[in-house]
Amino acid sequence: MISIIAKNVVRPDQVEAYKTLARELVAETRKEKGCIAYALNQDLQDSTVLTFIERWDDQAAIDAHGKSAHFTRIVPMLGALKAAEGEVRLYREVD
């Protein structure tokens, strides 16, 4: 299992637009084969920090997600709303 933490800092005036687009991405992604969990989280101290927390069966599922129609359509739109470059980290659970 692979977890992804994708942290984004969004322009203050674009937070609601970002969340609207992200909700569509979340809904479509949760239908994908290999997706265990996929959620957008908003920082409690800084509402402009929005973080996707994801769990995937394997790298093949992540690769397929990156090629999906909803991902390739929505992610560039999300990127246009960000105030700064995000941070994406992949993790493997320790047994």
Protein backbone atom coordinates (compact mmCIF):
# COMPACT_ATOMS: atom_id res chain seq x y z
CA MET A 1 0.00 0.00 0.00
CA ILE A 2 1.23 3.50 -0.86
CA SER A 3 0.07 6.73 0.76
CA ILE A 4 0.37 10.14 -0.84
CA ILE A 5 0.29 13.45 0.99
CA ALA A 6 -0.10 16.33 -1.47
CA LYS A 7 0.01 19.72 0.26
CA ASN A 8 -1.09 22.84 -1.61
CA VAL A 9 -1.18 26.51 -0.69
CA VAL A 10 -4.03 28.23 -2.49
CA ARG A 11 -4.52 31.93 -3.15
CA PRO A 12 -6.91 33.23 -0.46
CA ASP A 13 -9.48 34.44 -2.98
CA GLN A 14 -9.49 31.05 -4.73
CA VAL A 15 -10.01 28.66 -1.79
CA GLU A 16 -13.70 28.03 -2.50
CA ALA A 17 -13.09 27.53 -6.23
CA TYR A 18 -10.28 25.10 -5.40
CA LYS A 19 -12.51 23.11 -3.05
CA THR A 20 -15.29 22.94 -5.65
CA LEU A 21 -12.95 21.49 -8.29
CA ALA A 22 -11.30 19.21 -5.74
CA ARG A 23 -14.65 17.74 -4.69
CA GLU A 24 -15.21 16.59 -8.27
CA LEU A 25 -11.71 15.11 -8.40
CA VAL A 26 -12.27 13.29 -5.10
CA ALA A 27 -15.64 11.87 -6.17
CA GLU A 28 -14.29 10.53 -9.48
CA THR A 29 -11.04 9.24 -8.00
CA ARG A 30 -12.80 7.23 -5.31
CA LYS A 31 -14.34 5.15 -8.13
CA GLU A 32 -10.94 4.12 -9.48
CA LYS A 33 -9.58 0.61 -9.17
CA GLY A 34 -6.82 0.55 -6.58
CA CYS A 35 -7.98 3.65 -4.70
CA ILE A 36 -8.34 2.79 -1.02
CA ALA A 37 -8.93 6.34 0.25
CA TYR A 38 -8.82 9.82 -1.27
CA ALA A 39 -9.78 12.97 0.60
CA LEU A 40 -9.12 16.70 0.62
CA ASN A 41 -8.29 18.19 4.03
CA GLN A 42 -8.17 21.85 5.04
CA ASP A 43 -5.65 23.06 7.62
CA LEU A 44 -7.35 24.23 10.81
CA GLN A 45 -4.88 27.08 11.37
CA ASP A 46 -4.46 28.25 7.77
CA SER A 47 -7.48 27.81 5.51
CA THR A 48 -5.37 28.37 2.39
CA VAL A 49 -3.52 25.09 3.00
CA LEU A 50 -5.42 22.24 1.36
CA THR A 51 -3.96 18.74 1.42
CA PHE A 52 -4.96 15.60 -0.41
CA ILE A 53 -4.41 12.46 1.65
CA GLU A 54 -4.52 9.35 -0.51
CA ARG A 55 -4.08 5.59 -0.12
CA TRP A 56 -3.47 3.33 -3.09
CA ASP A 57 -3.03 -0.41 -3.60
CA ASP A 58 0.19 0.01 -5.59
CA GLN A 59 2.19 2.15 -7.98
CA ALA A 60 0.24 0.85 -10.98
CA ALA A 61 -2.97 2.30 -9.51
CA ILE A 62 -1.25 5.64 -8.94
CA ASP A 63 0.06 5.65 -12.51
CA ALA A 64 -3.43 4.92 -13.89
CA HIS A 65 -4.86 7.72 -11.73
CA GLY A 66 -2.34 10.17 -13.18
CA LYS A 67 -3.56 9.30 -16.69
CA SER A 68 -7.29 9.40 -15.90
CA ALA A 69 -9.51 11.89 -17.73
CA HIS A 70 -10.64 13.62 -14.53
CA PHE A 71 -7.07 13.96 -13.21
CA THR A 72 -5.64 15.37 -16.43
CA ARG A 73 -8.55 17.81 -16.74
CA ILE A 74 -8.91 19.01 -13.13
CA VAL A 75 -5.35 19.07 -11.76
CA PRO A 76 -4.13 21.81 -14.15
CA MET A 77 -7.13 23.93 -13.12
CA LEU A 78 -6.26 23.38 -9.46
CA GLY A 79 -2.67 24.37 -10.17
CA ALA A 80 -3.81 27.70 -11.59
CA LEU A 81 -5.40 28.54 -8.22
CA LYS A 82 -2.31 27.92 -6.09
CA ALA A 83 -0.25 30.65 -4.45
CA ALA A 84 2.92 28.56 -4.28
CA GLU A 85 4.42 25.32 -5.48
CA GLY A 86 2.96 22.36 -3.58
CA GLU A 87 4.67 19.43 -1.96
CA VAL A 88 3.89 15.81 -2.81
CA ARG A 89 5.31 12.93 -0.78
CA LEU A 90 4.79 9.20 -1.21
CA TYR A 91 4.96 6.82 1.74
CA ARG A 92 5.01 3.08 2.17
CA GLU A 93 3.60 1.70 5.41
CA VAL A 94 6.20 0.10 7.67
CA ASP A 95 5.38 -3.46 8.71
